[in-house]
């Protein structure tokens, strides 16, 4: 067990045989992300990166899901639903301010998301159940994704809420598949995500731990300095392809999308205010049926 970072409010942290395991621990909320949870995740990643007894990191979610996205029901504002924030909101940028305020807030979230990309040690995302919206922001910044065949991966919020503020889709699947997913909000089954290169591998649910642990075990035998060299040169190639610059544009485009007065975004906001999240999601997603990608060649 670890001797530095105690289990936090939202995470579990464990080290064994050169592998650090960081677990998102809000299973009752499908591991939905709040600013506090993301700050704890960044700190845990930095600690694992600093420790000499760690060579590789596994990022996972407790319960049935990896992560169902950002917590839209109150916690994403940084405090519990029904509570007032413990600061004078008039003195700080808010989520509902100007274009630049919105962009600034998105950039702060990006900095937390990019911790997986920026640290020296490799990170494996272990994905089961839902990996949606903000969950994909986390997973696609990891070095490897291994999921179950029945995992559900996508960004349904693109139907009415905005565009992904952390944009790594195009680097994993290319422009056409990125557009296909963004412009419909449809999700992929894990097995199909593997076929188009979005994830490294998709396995039966009862084989997920075996697949993730075996990859982590094999990586862990390589010296941390060599792992860092491999990761950083490949990530440098992504940066030369514009990956870091694209994140700035992604935040700006998401802010622009938030200014939309179109009927679907307007209706979602009205449903949230009047009826709550469940109704807003139902009305947003109902026209898309089961919301899954159906490409002929994927299902032969």
Protein backbone atom coordinates (compact mmCIF):
# COMPACT_ATOMS: atom_id res chain seq x y z
CA UNK A 1 0.00 0.00 0.00
CA UNK A 2 1.06 3.58 -0.50
CA UNK A 3 2.77 5.51 2.26
CA UNK A 4 2.31 9.04 0.96
CA UNK A 5 -1.12 9.75 -0.50
CA UNK A 6 -4.00 8.69 1.72
CA UNK A 7 -7.27 7.66 0.13
CA UNK A 8 -9.02 10.93 -0.70
CA UNK A 9 -12.64 12.02 -0.88
CA UNK A 10 -13.06 10.86 -4.46
CA UNK A 11 -10.19 8.47 -5.23
CA UNK A 12 -8.55 5.27 -4.11
CA UNK A 13 -4.77 4.99 -4.52
CA UNK A 14 -2.70 1.84 -4.26
CA UNK A 15 0.81 0.75 -5.25
CA UNK A 16 1.88 -2.85 -5.72
CA UNK A 17 4.72 -4.42 -7.71
CA UNK A 18 5.69 -1.23 -9.56
CA UNK A 19 2.08 -0.49 -10.57
CA UNK A 20 0.05 2.41 -9.16
CA UNK A 21 -3.71 1.95 -9.33
CA UNK A 22 -5.84 5.11 -9.17
CA UNK A 23 -9.57 4.51 -8.87
CA UNK A 24 -12.29 7.10 -9.44
CA UNK A 25 -14.48 6.40 -6.43
CA UNK A 26 -17.97 7.83 -6.91
CA UNK A 27 -19.74 4.66 -8.07
CA UNK A 28 -23.13 5.97 -6.90
CA UNK A 29 -22.68 8.85 -9.37
CA UNK A 30 -21.15 6.68 -12.09
CA UNK A 31 -17.85 8.39 -11.24
CA UNK A 32 -19.09 11.71 -12.61
CA UNK A 33 -16.37 14.36 -12.53
CA UNK A 34 -16.31 17.39 -10.27
CA UNK A 35 -13.51 19.99 -10.02
CA UNK A 36 -12.48 18.59 -6.63
CA UNK A 37 -12.29 15.05 -7.99
CA UNK A 38 -10.22 16.17 -10.97
CA UNK A 39 -7.83 18.11 -8.75
CA UNK A 40 -7.36 15.01 -6.61
CA UNK A 41 -6.73 12.95 -9.74
CA UNK A 42 -4.05 15.37 -10.92
CA UNK A 43 -2.35 15.23 -7.51
CA UNK A 44 -2.48 11.42 -7.48
CA UNK A 45 -0.99 11.22 -10.97
CA UNK A 46 1.82 13.59 -10.03
CA UNK A 47 2.58 11.56 -6.92
CA UNK A 48 2.63 8.30 -8.86
CA UNK A 49 4.92 9.95 -11.40
CA UNK A 50 7.30 11.06 -8.62
CA UNK A 51 7.51 7.74 -6.80
CA UNK A 52 10.51 5.50 -7.45
CA UNK A 53 8.45 2.38 -6.68
CA UNK A 54 6.07 3.06 -9.61
CA UNK A 55 6.77 2.39 -13.29
CA UNK A 56 3.24 2.35 -14.71
CA UNK A 57 -0.19 3.65 -13.68
CA UNK A 58 -3.67 2.16 -14.11
CA UNK A 59 -6.62 4.56 -14.11
CA UNK A 60 -10.01 2.92 -13.46
CA UNK A 61 -13.50 3.58 -12.16
CA UNK A 62 -15.17 1.92 -9.19
CA UNK A 63 -18.42 0.08 -9.76
CA UNK A 64 -20.11 -0.51 -13.11
CA UNK A 65 -18.71 2.47 -15.01
CA UNK A 66 -15.39 4.06 -15.84
CA UNK A 67 -16.82 7.59 -15.90
CA UNK A 68 -20.18 8.86 -17.16
CA UNK A 69 -18.91 12.42 -17.72
CA UNK A 70 -19.00 15.73 -15.93
CA UNK A 71 -21.37 16.10 -13.00
CA UNK A 72 -24.08 18.40 -14.35
CA UNK A 73 -26.32 18.16 -11.30
CA UNK A 74 -24.43 20.56 -9.04
CA UNK A 75 -21.05 19.10 -8.21
CA UNK A 76 -19.51 20.37 -11.48
CA UNK A 77 -19.93 23.86 -10.08
CA UNK A 78 -17.47 22.85 -7.37
CA UNK A 79 -19.86 22.40 -4.47
CA UNK A 80 -22.59 20.01 -3.43
CA UNK A 81 -26.06 20.34 -4.88
CA UNK A 82 -28.16 22.66 -2.73
CA UNK A 83 -25.15 24.34 -1.11
CA UNK A 84 -23.87 27.81 -1.80
CA UNK A 85 -20.22 28.16 -2.82
CA UNK A 86 -17.84 29.10 0.01
CA UNK A 87 -16.58 32.17 -1.83
CA UNK A 88 -17.84 35.50 -3.10
CA UNK A 89 -18.84 34.67 -6.67
CA UNK A 90 -18.63 38.33 -7.67
CA UNK A 91 -14.84 38.19 -7.27
CA UNK A 92 -14.20 35.15 -9.48
CA UNK A 93 -14.82 34.05 -13.05
CA UNK A 94 -17.98 31.95 -13.30
CA UNK A 95 -19.25 29.29 -15.69
CA UNK A 96 -21.97 31.73 -16.81
CA UNK A 97 -19.86 34.77 -17.55
CA UNK A 98 -18.45 36.11 -20.80
CA UNK A 99 -16.97 34.13 -23.70
CA UNK A 100 -13.51 34.67 -22.23
CA UNK A 101 -14.63 33.64 -18.72
CA UNK A 102 -16.08 30.42 -20.13
CA UNK A 103 -12.93 29.77 -22.14
CA UNK A 104 -10.75 30.45 -19.09
CA UNK A 105 -12.72 27.95 -17.00
CA UNK A 106 -12.48 25.31 -19.74
CA UNK A 107 -8.73 25.84 -19.94
CA UNK A 108 -8.39 25.22 -16.20
CA UNK A 109 -10.23 21.92 -16.64
CA UNK A 110 -7.98 21.09 -19.59
CA UNK A 111 -4.90 21.51 -17.41
CA UNK A 112 -6.25 18.82 -15.08
CA UNK A 113 -7.19 16.53 -17.98
CA UNK A 114 -3.76 16.83 -19.55
CA UNK A 115 -1.97 15.45 -16.50
CA UNK A 116 -2.09 11.93 -17.99
CA UNK A 117 -0.41 13.21 -21.16
CA UNK A 118 2.17 15.40 -19.41
CA UNK A 119 3.53 13.07 -16.72
CA UNK A 120 6.53 10.90 -17.60
CA UNK A 121 5.09 7.50 -16.73
CA UNK A 122 2.63 5.57 -18.90
CA UNK A 123 -1.05 5.44 -17.95
CA UNK A 124 -3.44 2.63 -18.88
CA UNK A 125 -7.17 3.41 -18.81
CA UNK A 126 -9.21 0.39 -17.69
CA UNK A 127 -12.68 1.05 -19.11
CA UNK A 128 -15.94 -0.72 -18.35
CA UNK A 129 -19.56 0.40 -18.58
CA UNK A 130 -20.02 4.03 -19.53
CA UNK A 131 -17.09 6.12 -20.73
CA UNK A 132 -18.97 9.21 -21.87
CA UNK A 133 -18.30 12.92 -22.41
CA UNK A 134 -15.82 13.97 -19.70
CA UNK A 135 -14.95 10.30 -19.23
CA UNK A 136 -13.54 10.28 -22.75
CA UNK A 137 -11.62 13.48 -21.97
CA UNK A 138 -9.77 11.43 -19.37
CA UNK A 139 -9.41 8.16 -21.25
CA UNK A 140 -8.18 9.64 -24.53
CA UNK A 141 -5.38 11.48 -22.71
CA UNK A 142 -4.07 8.16 -21.38
CA UNK A 143 -1.36 6.22 -23.21
CA UNK A 144 -3.44 3.06 -23.60
CA UNK A 145 -7.13 2.22 -23.34
CA UNK A 146 -8.31 -1.35 -22.74
CA UNK A 147 -12.06 -1.77 -22.45
CA UNK A 148 -14.75 -4.39 -22.32
CA UNK A 149 -16.48 -5.35 -25.56
CA UNK A 150 -19.73 -3.93 -24.15
CA UNK A 151 -18.28 -0.65 -22.86
CA UNK A 152 -20.12 2.38 -24.21
CA UNK A 153 -17.80 5.16 -25.42
CA UNK A 154 -18.87 8.50 -26.84
CA UNK A 155 -19.76 12.14 -26.33
CA UNK A 156 -23.58 12.49 -26.48
CA UNK A 157 -23.34 16.08 -25.21
CA UNK A 158 -22.29 17.15 -28.72
CA UNK A 159 -26.00 16.90 -29.66
CA UNK A 160 -26.95 20.04 -27.73
CA UNK A 161 -24.35 21.14 -25.21
CA UNK A 162 -21.06 21.89 -26.96
CA UNK A 163 -17.99 20.31 -28.52
CA UNK A 164 -15.40 18.29 -26.55
CA UNK A 165 -13.20 20.77 -24.69
CA UNK A 166 -10.39 18.20 -24.71
CA UNK A 167 -9.98 17.12 -28.32
CA UNK A 168 -7.95 13.95 -28.91
CA UNK A 169 -10.50 12.14 -31.06
CA UNK A 170 -8.97 13.09 -34.38
CA UNK A 171 -5.55 11.79 -33.30
CA UNK A 172 -6.99 8.38 -32.45
CA UNK A 173 -9.46 7.79 -35.29
CA UNK A 174 -8.82 10.39 -38.02
CA UNK A 175 -11.04 13.19 -39.32
CA UNK A 176 -13.99 11.23 -40.75
CA UNK A 177 -14.65 9.10 -37.67
CA UNK A 178 -14.08 12.12 -35.41
CA UNK A 179 -16.72 14.04 -37.37
CA UNK A 180 -19.06 11.02 -37.39
CA UNK A 181 -18.97 10.85 -33.61
CA UNK A 182 -19.03 14.60 -32.94
CA UNK A 183 -21.83 15.41 -35.40
CA UNK A 184 -24.26 12.79 -34.09
CA UNK A 185 -23.25 12.25 -30.48
CA UNK A 186 -23.59 8.53 -31.16
CA UNK A 187 -21.64 6.09 -29.00
CA UNK A 188 -19.43 3.15 -29.90
CA UNK A 189 -19.44 -0.27 -28.30
CA UNK A 190 -16.00 -1.17 -27.00
CA UNK A 191 -15.55 -3.87 -29.62
CA UNK A 192 -16.19 -1.32 -32.40
CA UNK A 193 -13.95 1.27 -30.73
CA UNK A 194 -11.11 -1.26 -31.02
CA UNK A 195 -11.83 -1.85 -34.71
CA UNK A 196 -11.41 1.83 -35.58
CA UNK A 197 -8.37 2.35 -33.33
CA UNK A 198 -10.02 4.43 -30.61
CA UNK A 199 -8.87 1.91 -27.98
CA UNK A 200 -5.96 -0.54 -27.93
CA UNK A 201 -8.07 -3.62 -27.23
CA UNK A 202 -11.57 -4.73 -26.26
CA UNK A 203 -12.05 -7.93 -24.29
CA UNK A 204 -14.89 -9.86 -22.61
CA UNK A 205 -15.83 -8.31 -19.28
CA UNK A 206 -14.49 -11.25 -17.30
CA UNK A 207 -11.10 -10.85 -19.01
CA UNK A 208 -10.68 -7.10 -18.44
CA UNK A 209 -8.57 -7.31 -15.29
CA UNK A 210 -6.40 -10.02 -16.80
CA UNK A 211 -5.74 -7.94 -19.95
CA UNK A 212 -5.03 -4.69 -18.09
CA UNK A 213 -2.90 -6.29 -15.40
CA UNK A 214 -0.84 -8.25 -17.92
CA UNK A 215 -0.07 -5.13 -19.97
CA UNK A 216 0.82 -3.22 -16.79
CA UNK A 217 3.00 -6.11 -15.59
CA UNK A 218 4.94 -6.27 -18.85
CA UNK A 219 5.46 -2.50 -18.97
CA UNK A 220 6.49 -2.41 -15.31
CA UNK A 221 9.60 -4.52 -15.98
CA UNK A 222 11.09 -1.72 -18.11
CA UNK A 223 13.08 0.96 -16.28
CA UNK A 224 11.11 4.13 -15.63
CA UNK A 225 13.72 6.23 -17.46
CA UNK A 226 13.28 4.19 -20.64
CA UNK A 227 9.50 4.28 -20.38
CA UNK A 228 9.69 8.05 -20.06
CA UNK A 229 11.90 8.30 -23.16
CA UNK A 230 9.44 6.22 -25.19
CA UNK A 231 6.38 8.13 -24.00
CA UNK A 232 7.85 11.59 -24.37
CA UNK A 233 9.17 11.12 -27.91
CA UNK A 234 5.83 9.74 -29.13
CA UNK A 235 3.93 12.50 -27.35
CA UNK A 236 6.36 15.02 -28.86
CA UNK A 237 5.32 13.68 -32.26
CA UNK A 238 1.69 14.37 -31.33
CA UNK A 239 2.65 17.87 -30.25
CA UNK A 240 4.43 18.45 -33.57
CA UNK A 241 1.12 17.45 -35.19
CA UNK A 242 -0.51 20.23 -33.18
CA UNK A 243 -2.06 18.23 -30.32
CA UNK A 244 -1.33 20.81 -27.63
CA UNK A 245 -2.31 23.79 -29.79
CA UNK A 246 -5.53 22.02 -30.75
CA UNK A 247 -6.55 21.86 -27.09
CA UNK A 248 -6.53 25.67 -26.93
CA UNK A 249 -8.73 25.84 -30.01
CA UNK A 250 -11.00 23.13 -28.58
CA UNK A 251 -11.67 25.25 -25.49
CA UNK A 252 -12.37 28.29 -27.63
CA UNK A 253 -14.72 26.35 -29.93
CA UNK A 254 -16.56 24.87 -26.96
CA UNK A 255 -17.01 28.38 -25.57
CA UNK A 256 -18.30 29.51 -28.96
CA UNK A 257 -20.72 26.57 -29.05
CA UNK A 258 -22.02 27.56 -25.62
CA UNK A 259 -23.22 30.85 -27.12
CA UNK A 260 -25.58 29.02 -29.45
CA UNK A 261 -29.21 30.10 -29.38
CA UNK A 262 -30.24 27.11 -31.47
CA UNK A 263 -33.41 25.24 -30.52
CA UNK A 264 -31.74 22.08 -29.20
CA UNK A 265 -29.33 23.86 -26.84
CA UNK A 266 -32.05 26.31 -25.78
CA UNK A 267 -34.43 23.44 -25.05
CA UNK A 268 -31.80 21.55 -23.05
CA UNK A 269 -31.16 24.58 -20.84
CA UNK A 270 -34.88 25.15 -20.36
CA UNK A 271 -35.45 21.48 -19.47
CA UNK A 272 -32.58 21.60 -16.96
CA UNK A 273 -34.03 24.69 -15.29
CA UNK A 274 -37.63 23.49 -15.20
CA UNK A 275 -37.49 19.69 -14.97
CA UNK A 276 -33.95 18.69 -14.06
CA UNK A 277 -31.16 16.68 -15.62
CA UNK A 278 -33.06 13.43 -16.24
CA UNK A 279 -35.72 15.10 -18.38
CA UNK A 280 -33.16 17.25 -20.19
CA UNK A 281 -31.12 14.19 -21.16
CA UNK A 282 -34.23 12.24 -22.21
CA UNK A 283 -35.44 15.02 -24.50
CA UNK A 284 -31.95 15.57 -25.92
CA UNK A 285 -31.25 11.93 -26.73
CA UNK A 286 -34.66 10.43 -27.57
CA UNK A 287 -34.58 11.31 -31.31
CA UNK A 288 -31.36 9.30 -31.69
CA UNK A 289 -32.88 5.98 -30.62
CA UNK A 290 -30.33 3.73 -28.94
CA UNK A 291 -27.63 6.25 -29.86
CA UNK A 292 -25.13 3.67 -31.11
CA UNK A 293 -22.93 3.87 -34.20
CA UNK A 294 -24.18 1.50 -36.92
CA UNK A 295 -21.55 1.14 -39.64
CA UNK A 296 -22.06 -1.85 -41.92
CA UNK A 297 -18.44 -3.03 -42.03
CA UNK A 298 -18.13 -2.89 -38.24
CA UNK A 299 -20.86 -5.47 -37.80
CA UNK A 300 -20.04 -8.08 -40.43
